[in-house]
């Protein structure tokens, strides 16, 4: 299952050191840094994405999803903070 991937999470953790649940929580916390309308939109998107991918079993695919999600979150945060 997805939750077997992580030992612990920090800002510089490698993507495969994070479980899907930890990624989910991280992304929801990142949404709090956005303006209210954007926060609502992206929280909904994060929740839908989590539901869609939570049954994924392929470890390589999980790594790809986590890595891409972290990159996207950084881009979105930078977009709204600049």
PDB file of N, CA and C in Angstrom:
ATOM      1  N   UNK A   1       0.835  -1.190   0.000  1.00  0.00           N
ATOM      2  CA  UNK A   1       0.000   0.000   0.000  1.00  0.00           C
ATOM      3  C   UNK A   1       0.872   1.243   0.000  1.00  0.00           C
ATOM      4  N   UNK A   2       0.279   2.381  -0.214  1.00  0.00           N
ATOM      5  CA  UNK A   2       1.008   3.638  -0.347  1.00  0.00           C
ATOM      6  C   UNK A   2       1.730   4.062   0.917  1.00  0.00           C
ATOM      7  N   UNK A   3       1.268   3.656   2.064  1.00  0.00           N
ATOM      8  CA  UNK A   3       1.786   4.185   3.317  1.00  0.00           C
ATOM      9  C   UNK A   3       3.106   3.568   3.746  1.00  0.00           C
ATOM     10  N   UNK A   4       3.646   2.652   3.008  1.00  0.00           N
ATOM     11  CA  UNK A   4       4.866   1.968   3.419  1.00  0.00           C
ATOM     12  C   UNK A   4       6.134   2.687   2.978  1.00  0.00           C
ATOM     13  N   UNK A   5       6.004   3.842   2.340  1.00  0.00           N
ATOM     14  CA  UNK A   5       7.154   4.495   1.725  1.00  0.00           C
ATOM     15  C   UNK A   5       8.018   5.341   2.654  1.00  0.00           C
ATOM     16  N   UNK A   6       7.487   5.857   3.753  1.00  0.00           N
ATOM     17  CA  UNK A   6       8.226   6.908   4.470  1.00  0.00           C
ATOM     18  C   UNK A   6       8.797   6.535   5.818  1.00  0.00           C
ATOM     19  N   UNK A   7       9.954   7.075   6.085  1.00  0.00           N
ATOM     20  CA  UNK A   7      10.534   7.019   7.423  1.00  0.00           C
ATOM     21  C   UNK A   7      10.163   8.278   8.171  1.00  0.00           C
ATOM     22  N   UNK A   8      10.453   9.442   7.630  1.00  0.00           N
ATOM     23  CA  UNK A   8       9.997  10.720   8.175  1.00  0.00           C
ATOM     24  C   UNK A   8      10.051  11.768   7.080  1.00  0.00           C
ATOM     25  N   UNK A   9       9.404  12.889   7.307  1.00  0.00           N
ATOM     26  CA  UNK A   9       9.331  13.934   6.295  1.00  0.00           C
ATOM     27  C   UNK A   9       9.958  15.220   6.791  1.00  0.00           C
ATOM     28  N   UNK A  10      10.752  15.817   5.910  1.00  0.00           N
ATOM     29  CA  UNK A  10      11.258  17.161   6.156  1.00  0.00           C
ATOM     30  C   UNK A  10      11.214  17.893   4.828  1.00  0.00           C
ATOM     31  N   UNK A  11      11.478  19.199   4.826  1.00  0.00           N
ATOM     32  CA  UNK A  11      11.395  19.988   3.589  1.00  0.00           C
ATOM     33  C   UNK A  11      12.360  19.498   2.522  1.00  0.00           C
ATOM     34  N   UNK A  12      13.484  18.920   2.934  1.00  0.00           N
ATOM     35  CA  UNK A  12      14.457  18.456   1.952  1.00  0.00           C
ATOM     36  C   UNK A  12      14.415  16.945   1.754  1.00  0.00           C
ATOM     37  N   UNK A  13      13.348  16.305   2.205  1.00  0.00           N
ATOM     38  CA  UNK A  13      13.227  14.861   2.045  1.00  0.00           C
ATOM     39  C   UNK A  13      13.080  14.510   0.571  1.00  0.00           C
ATOM     40  N   UNK A  14      13.607  13.379   0.208  1.00  0.00           N
ATOM     41  CA  UNK A  14      13.446  12.900  -1.163  1.00  0.00           C
ATOM     42  C   UNK A  14      11.994  12.495  -1.360  1.00  0.00           C
ATOM     43  N   UNK A  15      11.492  12.577  -2.581  1.00  0.00           N
ATOM     44  CA  UNK A  15      10.080  12.269  -2.821  1.00  0.00           C
ATOM     45  C   UNK A  15       9.677  10.886  -2.333  1.00  0.00           C
ATOM     46  N   UNK A  16      10.571   9.902  -2.448  1.00  0.00           N
ATOM     47  CA  UNK A  16      10.203   8.548  -2.044  1.00  0.00           C
ATOM     48  C   UNK A  16      10.318   8.347  -0.546  1.00  0.00           C
ATOM     49  N   UNK A  17      10.698   9.387   0.202  1.00  0.00           N
ATOM     50  CA  UNK A  17      10.727   9.294   1.649  1.00  0.00           C
ATOM     51  C   UNK A  17       9.415   9.763   2.263  1.00  0.00           C
ATOM     52  N   UNK A  18       8.400   9.964   1.443  1.00  0.00           N
ATOM     53  CA  UNK A  18       7.137  10.513   1.904  1.00  0.00           C
ATOM     54  C   UNK A  18       6.015   9.553   1.523  1.00  0.00           C
ATOM     55  N   UNK A  19       5.101   9.340   2.444  1.00  0.00           N
ATOM     56  CA  UNK A  19       3.936   8.525   2.099  1.00  0.00           C
ATOM     57  C   UNK A  19       2.899   9.404   1.414  1.00  0.00           C
ATOM     58  N   UNK A  20       1.946   8.775   0.822  1.00  0.00           N
ATOM     59  CA  UNK A  20       0.886   9.539   0.169  1.00  0.00           C
ATOM     60  C   UNK A  20       0.089  10.348   1.185  1.00  0.00           C
ATOM     61  N   UNK A  21      -0.119   9.793   2.362  1.00  0.00           N
ATOM     62  CA  UNK A  21      -0.858  10.516   3.397  1.00  0.00           C
ATOM     63  C   UNK A  21      -0.067  11.731   3.877  1.00  0.00           C
ATOM     64  N   UNK A  22       1.216  11.587   4.024  1.00  0.00           N
ATOM     65  CA  UNK A  22       2.044  12.726   4.429  1.00  0.00           C
ATOM     66  C   UNK A  22       2.069  13.793   3.336  1.00  0.00           C
ATOM     67  N   UNK A  23       2.133  13.359   2.092  1.00  0.00           N
ATOM     68  CA  UNK A  23       2.069  14.302   0.988  1.00  0.00           C
ATOM     69  C   UNK A  23       0.741  15.052   1.017  1.00  0.00           C
ATOM     70  N   UNK A  24      -0.338  14.335   1.230  1.00  0.00           N
ATOM     71  CA  UNK A  24      -1.670  14.930   1.304  1.00  0.00           C
ATOM     72  C   UNK A  24      -1.721  16.014   2.376  1.00  0.00           C
ATOM     73  N   UNK A  25      -1.253  15.693   3.561  1.00  0.00           N
ATOM     74  CA  UNK A  25      -1.242  16.664   4.662  1.00  0.00           C
ATOM     75  C   UNK A  25      -0.346  17.859   4.333  1.00  0.00           C
ATOM     76  N   UNK A  26       0.811  17.580   3.754  1.00  0.00           N
ATOM     77  CA  UNK A  26       1.744  18.646   3.374  1.00  0.00           C
ATOM     78  C   UNK A  26       1.094  19.602   2.377  1.00  0.00           C
ATOM     79  N   UNK A  27       0.446  19.050   1.367  1.00  0.00           N
ATOM     80  CA  UNK A  27      -0.168  19.883   0.339  1.00  0.00           C
ATOM     81  C   UNK A  27      -1.324  20.708   0.904  1.00  0.00           C
ATOM     82  N   UNK A  28      -2.094  20.139   1.807  1.00  0.00           N
ATOM     83  CA  UNK A  28      -3.173  20.911   2.429  1.00  0.00           C
ATOM     84  C   UNK A  28      -2.612  22.057   3.265  1.00  0.00           C
ATOM     85  N   UNK A  29      -1.501  21.817   3.953  1.00  0.00           N
ATOM     86  CA  UNK A  29      -0.862  22.895   4.721  1.00  0.00           C
ATOM     87  C   UNK A  29      -0.318  23.973   3.797  1.00  0.00           C
ATOM     88  N   UNK A  30       0.225  23.568   2.663  1.00  0.00           N
ATOM     89  CA  UNK A  30       0.740  24.543   1.704  1.00  0.00           C
ATOM     90  C   UNK A  30      -0.388  25.421   1.157  1.00  0.00           C
ATOM     91  N   UNK A  31      -1.572  24.852   1.004  1.00  0.00           N
ATOM     92  CA  UNK A  31      -2.714  25.618   0.505  1.00  0.00           C
ATOM     93  C   UNK A  31      -3.046  26.780   1.432  1.00  0.00           C
ATOM     94  N   UNK A  32      -2.775  26.633   2.700  1.00  0.00           N
ATOM     95  CA  UNK A  32      -3.072  27.693   3.668  1.00  0.00           C
ATOM     96  C   UNK A  32      -2.249  28.956   3.395  1.00  0.00           C
ATOM     97  N   UNK A  33      -1.174  28.827   2.648  1.00  0.00           N
ATOM     98  CA  UNK A  33      -0.326  29.973   2.318  1.00  0.00           C
ATOM     99  C   UNK A  33      -0.872  30.782   1.146  1.00  0.00           C
ATOM    100  N   UNK A  34      -1.922  30.298   0.520  1.00  0.00           N
ATOM    101  CA  UNK A  34      -2.490  30.929  -0.665  1.00  0.00           C
ATOM    102  C   UNK A  34      -3.621  31.883  -0.288  1.00  0.00           C
ATOM    103  N   UNK A  35      -3.987  32.795  -1.193  1.00  0.00           N
ATOM    104  CA  UNK A  35      -5.163  33.648  -0.962  1.00  0.00           C
ATOM    105  C   UNK A  35      -6.414  32.779  -0.779  1.00  0.00           C
ATOM    106  N   UNK A  36      -7.422  33.280  -0.088  1.00  0.00           N
ATOM    107  CA  UNK A  36      -8.604  32.462   0.252  1.00  0.00           C
ATOM    108  C   UNK A  36      -9.264  31.744  -0.931  1.00  0.00           C
ATOM    109  N   UNK A  37      -9.486  32.433  -2.039  1.00  0.00           N
ATOM    110  CA  UNK A  37     -10.133  31.776  -3.188  1.00  0.00           C
ATOM    111  C   UNK A  37      -9.257  30.671  -3.763  1.00  0.00           C
ATOM    112  N   UNK A  38      -7.970  30.946  -3.897  1.00  0.00           N
ATOM    113  CA  UNK A  38      -7.042  29.942  -4.424  1.00  0.00           C
ATOM    114  C   UNK A  38      -6.908  28.782  -3.449  1.00  0.00           C
ATOM    115  N   UNK A  39      -6.898  29.091  -2.162  1.00  0.00           N
ATOM    116  CA  UNK A  39      -6.792  28.054  -1.131  1.00  0.00           C
ATOM    117  C   UNK A  39      -7.940  27.055  -1.271  1.00  0.00           C
ATOM    118  N   UNK A  40      -9.136  27.575  -1.388  1.00  0.00           N
ATOM    119  CA  UNK A  40     -10.319  26.718  -1.525  1.00  0.00           C
ATOM    120  C   UNK A  40     -10.220  25.841  -2.777  1.00  0.00           C
ATOM    121  N   UNK A  41      -9.838  26.448  -3.884  1.00  0.00           N
ATOM    122  CA  UNK A  41      -9.717  25.718  -5.149  1.00  0.00           C
ATOM    123  C   UNK A  41      -8.680  24.595  -5.055  1.00  0.00           C
ATOM    124  N   UNK A  42      -7.493  24.928  -4.558  1.00  0.00           N
ATOM    125  CA  UNK A  42      -6.418  23.939  -4.528  1.00  0.00           C
ATOM    126  C   UNK A  42      -6.628  22.867  -3.466  1.00  0.00           C
ATOM    127  N   UNK A  43      -7.275  23.203  -2.356  1.00  0.00           N
ATOM    128  CA  UNK A  43      -7.602  22.169  -1.368  1.00  0.00           C
ATOM    129  C   UNK A  43      -8.549  21.135  -1.988  1.00  0.00           C
ATOM    130  N   UNK A  44      -9.531  21.625  -2.732  1.00  0.00           N
ATOM    131  CA  UNK A  44     -10.449  20.711  -3.397  1.00  0.00           C
ATOM    132  C   UNK A  44      -9.695  19.822  -4.386  1.00  0.00           C
ATOM    133  N   UNK A  45      -8.801  20.430  -5.158  1.00  0.00           N
ATOM    134  CA  UNK A  45      -8.020  19.667  -6.142  1.00  0.00           C
ATOM    135  C   UNK A  45      -7.129  18.622  -5.458  1.00  0.00           C
ATOM    136  N   UNK A  46      -6.514  18.979  -4.346  1.00  0.00           N
ATOM    137  CA  UNK A  46      -5.652  18.046  -3.612  1.00  0.00           C
ATOM    138  C   UNK A  46      -6.489  16.874  -3.107  1.00  0.00           C
ATOM    139  N   UNK A  47      -7.635  17.157  -2.541  1.00  0.00           N
ATOM    140  CA  UNK A  47      -8.491  16.088  -2.013  1.00  0.00           C
ATOM    141  C   UNK A  47      -8.954  15.143  -3.113  1.00  0.00           C
ATOM    142  N   UNK A  48      -9.343  15.700  -4.248  1.00  0.00           N
ATOM    143  CA  UNK A  48      -9.785  14.860  -5.366  1.00  0.00           C
ATOM    144  C   UNK A  48      -8.643  14.001  -5.896  1.00  0.00           C
ATOM    145  N   UNK A  49      -7.482  14.602  -5.998  1.00  0.00           N
ATOM    146  CA  UNK A  49      -6.319  13.870  -6.503  1.00  0.00           C
ATOM    147  C   UNK A  49      -5.941  12.733  -5.557  1.00  0.00           C
ATOM    148  N   UNK A  50      -6.003  13.013  -4.261  1.00  0.00           N
ATOM    149  CA  UNK A  50      -5.678  11.980  -3.276  1.00  0.00           C
ATOM    150  C   UNK A  50      -6.644  10.809  -3.404  1.00  0.00           C
ATOM    151  N   UNK A  51      -7.938  11.107  -3.500  1.00  0.00           N
ATOM    152  CA  UNK A  51      -8.932  10.041  -3.643  1.00  0.00           C
ATOM    153  C   UNK A  51      -8.694   9.224  -4.907  1.00  0.00           C
ATOM    154  N   UNK A  52      -8.313   9.906  -5.975  1.00  0.00           N
ATOM    155  CA  UNK A  52      -8.099   9.251  -7.263  1.00  0.00           C
ATOM    156  C   UNK A  52      -6.894   8.311  -7.232  1.00  0.00           C
ATOM    157  N   UNK A  53      -5.845   8.686  -6.508  1.00  0.00           N
ATOM    158  CA  UNK A  53      -4.596   7.920  -6.558  1.00  0.00           C
ATOM    159  C   UNK A  53      -4.299   7.093  -5.318  1.00  0.00           C
ATOM    160  N   UNK A  54      -5.172   7.088  -4.309  1.00  0.00           N
ATOM    161  CA  UNK A  54      -4.823   6.421  -3.058  1.00  0.00           C
ATOM    162  C   UNK A  54      -4.720   4.905  -3.174  1.00  0.00           C
ATOM    163  N   UNK A  55      -5.280   4.315  -4.195  1.00  0.00           N
ATOM    164  CA  UNK A  55      -5.206   2.867  -4.367  1.00  0.00           C
ATOM    165  C   UNK A  55      -4.030   2.438  -5.251  1.00  0.00           C
ATOM    166  N   UNK A  56      -3.202   3.384  -5.667  1.00  0.00           N
ATOM    167  CA  UNK A  56      -2.052   3.080  -6.527  1.00  0.00           C
ATOM    168  C   UNK A  56      -1.096   2.142  -5.788  1.00  0.00           C
ATOM    169  N   UNK A  57      -0.645   1.078  -6.458  1.00  0.00           N
ATOM    170  CA  UNK A  57       0.228   0.092  -5.832  1.00  0.00           C
ATOM    171  C   UNK A  57       1.649   0.075  -6.391  1.00  0.00           C
ATOM    172  N   UNK A  58       1.833   0.584  -7.592  1.00  0.00           N
ATOM    173  CA  UNK A  58       3.146   0.559  -8.230  1.00  0.00           C
ATOM    174  C   UNK A  58       4.080   1.565  -7.554  1.00  0.00           C
ATOM    175  N   UNK A  59       5.142   1.098  -6.889  1.00  0.00           N
ATOM    176  CA  UNK A  59       6.054   2.003  -6.168  1.00  0.00           C
ATOM    177  C   UNK A  59       6.685   3.068  -7.064  1.00  0.00           C
ATOM    178  N   UNK A  60       7.002   2.710  -8.286  1.00  0.00           N
ATOM    179  CA  UNK A  60       7.608   3.678  -9.206  1.00  0.00           C
ATOM    180  C   UNK A  60       6.613   4.777  -9.567  1.00  0.00           C
ATOM    181  N   UNK A  61       5.401   4.395  -9.809  1.00  0.00           N
ATOM    182  CA  UNK A  61       4.351   5.374 -10.131  1.00  0.00           C
ATOM    183  C   UNK A  61       4.084   6.283  -8.928  1.00  0.00           C
ATOM    184  N   UNK A  62       4.098   5.719  -7.733  1.00  0.00           N
ATOM    185  CA  UNK A  62       3.897   6.503  -6.513  1.00  0.00           C
ATOM    186  C   UNK A  62       4.993   7.556  -6.386  1.00  0.00           C
ATOM    187  N   UNK A  63       6.226   7.164  -6.653  1.00  0.00           N
ATOM    188  CA  UNK A  63       7.345   8.115  -6.599  1.00  0.00           C
ATOM    189  C   UNK A  63       7.133   9.257  -7.590  1.00  0.00           C
ATOM    190  N   UNK A  64       6.696   8.910  -8.794  1.00  0.00           N
ATOM    191  CA  UNK A  64       6.441   9.921  -9.817  1.00  0.00           C
ATOM    192  C   UNK A  64       5.356  10.901  -9.375  1.00  0.00           C
ATOM    193  N   UNK A  65       4.280  10.376  -8.823  1.00  0.00           N
ATOM    194  CA  UNK A  65       3.170  11.219  -8.385  1.00  0.00           C
ATOM    195  C   UNK A  65       3.632  12.160  -7.278  1.00  0.00           C
ATOM    196  N   UNK A  66       4.355  11.630  -6.309  1.00  0.00           N
ATOM    197  CA  UNK A  66       4.826  12.439  -5.184  1.00  0.00           C
ATOM    198  C   UNK A  66       5.772  13.528  -5.668  1.00  0.00           C
ATOM    199  N   UNK A  67       6.712  13.158  -6.511  1.00  0.00           N
ATOM    200  CA  UNK A  67       7.683  14.125  -7.029  1.00  0.00           C
ATOM    201  C   UNK A  67       6.978  15.237  -7.809  1.00  0.00           C
ATOM    202  N   UNK A  68       6.092  14.864  -8.689  1.00  0.00           N
ATOM    203  CA  UNK A  68       5.369  15.837  -9.503  1.00  0.00           C
ATOM    204  C   UNK A  68       4.483  16.734  -8.633  1.00  0.00           C
ATOM    205  N   UNK A  69       3.861  16.164  -7.630  1.00  0.00           N
ATOM    206  CA  UNK A  69       3.002  16.944  -6.730  1.00  0.00           C
ATOM    207  C   UNK A  69       3.796  17.983  -5.961  1.00  0.00           C
ATOM    208  N   UNK A  70       4.970  17.601  -5.487  1.00  0.00           N
ATOM    209  CA  UNK A  70       5.808  18.550  -4.754  1.00  0.00           C
ATOM    210  C   UNK A  70       6.287  19.674  -5.666  1.00  0.00           C
ATOM    211  N   UNK A  71       6.662  19.335  -6.900  1.00  0.00           N
ATOM    212  CA  UNK A  71       7.087  20.354  -7.867  1.00  0.00           C
ATOM    213  C   UNK A  71       5.937  21.316  -8.179  1.00  0.00           C
ATOM    214  N   UNK A  72       4.750  20.771  -8.391  1.00  0.00           N
ATOM    215  CA  UNK A  72       3.585  21.598  -8.690  1.00  0.00           C
ATOM    216  C   UNK A  72       3.252  22.517  -7.519  1.00  0.00           C
ATOM    217  N   UNK A  73       3.344  21.998  -6.311  1.00  0.00           N
ATOM    218  CA  UNK A  73       3.041  22.814  -5.129  1.00  0.00           C
ATOM    219  C   UNK A  73       4.021  23.977  -5.013  1.00  0.00           C
ATOM    220  N   UNK A  74       5.291  23.716  -5.246  1.00  0.00           N
ATOM    221  CA  UNK A  74       6.291  24.792  -5.202  1.00  0.00           C
ATOM    222  C   UNK A  74       5.979  25.852  -6.254  1.00  0.00           C
ATOM    223  N   UNK A  75       5.616  25.422  -7.447  1.00  0.00           N
ATOM    224  CA  UNK A  75       5.305  26.355  -8.527  1.00  0.00           C
ATOM    225  C   UNK A  75       4.101  27.221  -8.163  1.00  0.00           C
ATOM    226  N   UNK A  76       3.064  26.604  -7.619  1.00  0.00           N
ATOM    227  CA  UNK A  76       1.848  27.343  -7.266  1.00  0.00           C
ATOM    228  C   UNK A  76       2.140  28.345  -6.142  1.00  0.00           C
ATOM    229  N   UNK A  77       2.863  27.921  -5.137  1.00  0.00           N
ATOM    230  CA  UNK A  77       3.203  28.824  -4.034  1.00  0.00           C
ATOM    231  C   UNK A  77       4.016  30.011  -4.569  1.00  0.00           C
ATOM    232  N   UNK A  78       4.991  29.728  -5.424  1.00  0.00           N
ATOM    233  CA  UNK A  78       5.804  30.812  -6.013  1.00  0.00           C
ATOM    234  C   UNK A  78       4.938  31.751  -6.860  1.00  0.00           C
ATOM    235  N   UNK A  79       3.995  31.203  -7.569  1.00  0.00           N
ATOM    236  CA  UNK A  79       3.106  32.005  -8.412  1.00  0.00           C
ATOM    237  C   UNK A  79       2.334  33.024  -7.573  1.00  0.00           C
ATOM    238  N   UNK A  80       1.865  32.619  -6.417  1.00  0.00           N
ATOM    239  CA  UNK A  80       1.053  33.501  -5.589  1.00  0.00           C
ATOM    240  C   UNK A  80       1.864  34.381  -4.641  1.00  0.00           C
ATOM    241  N   UNK A  81       3.108  34.040  -4.385  1.00  0.00           N
ATOM    242  CA  UNK A  81       3.896  34.850  -3.447  1.00  0.00           C
ATOM    243  C   UNK A  81       4.740  35.900  -4.151  1.00  0.00           C
ATOM    244  N   UNK A  82       4.848  35.838  -5.473  1.00  0.00           N
ATOM    245  CA  UNK A  82       5.644  36.832  -6.212  1.00  0.00           C
ATOM    246  C   UNK A  82       4.772  37.900  -6.796  1.00  0.00           C
TER     247      UNK A  82
END
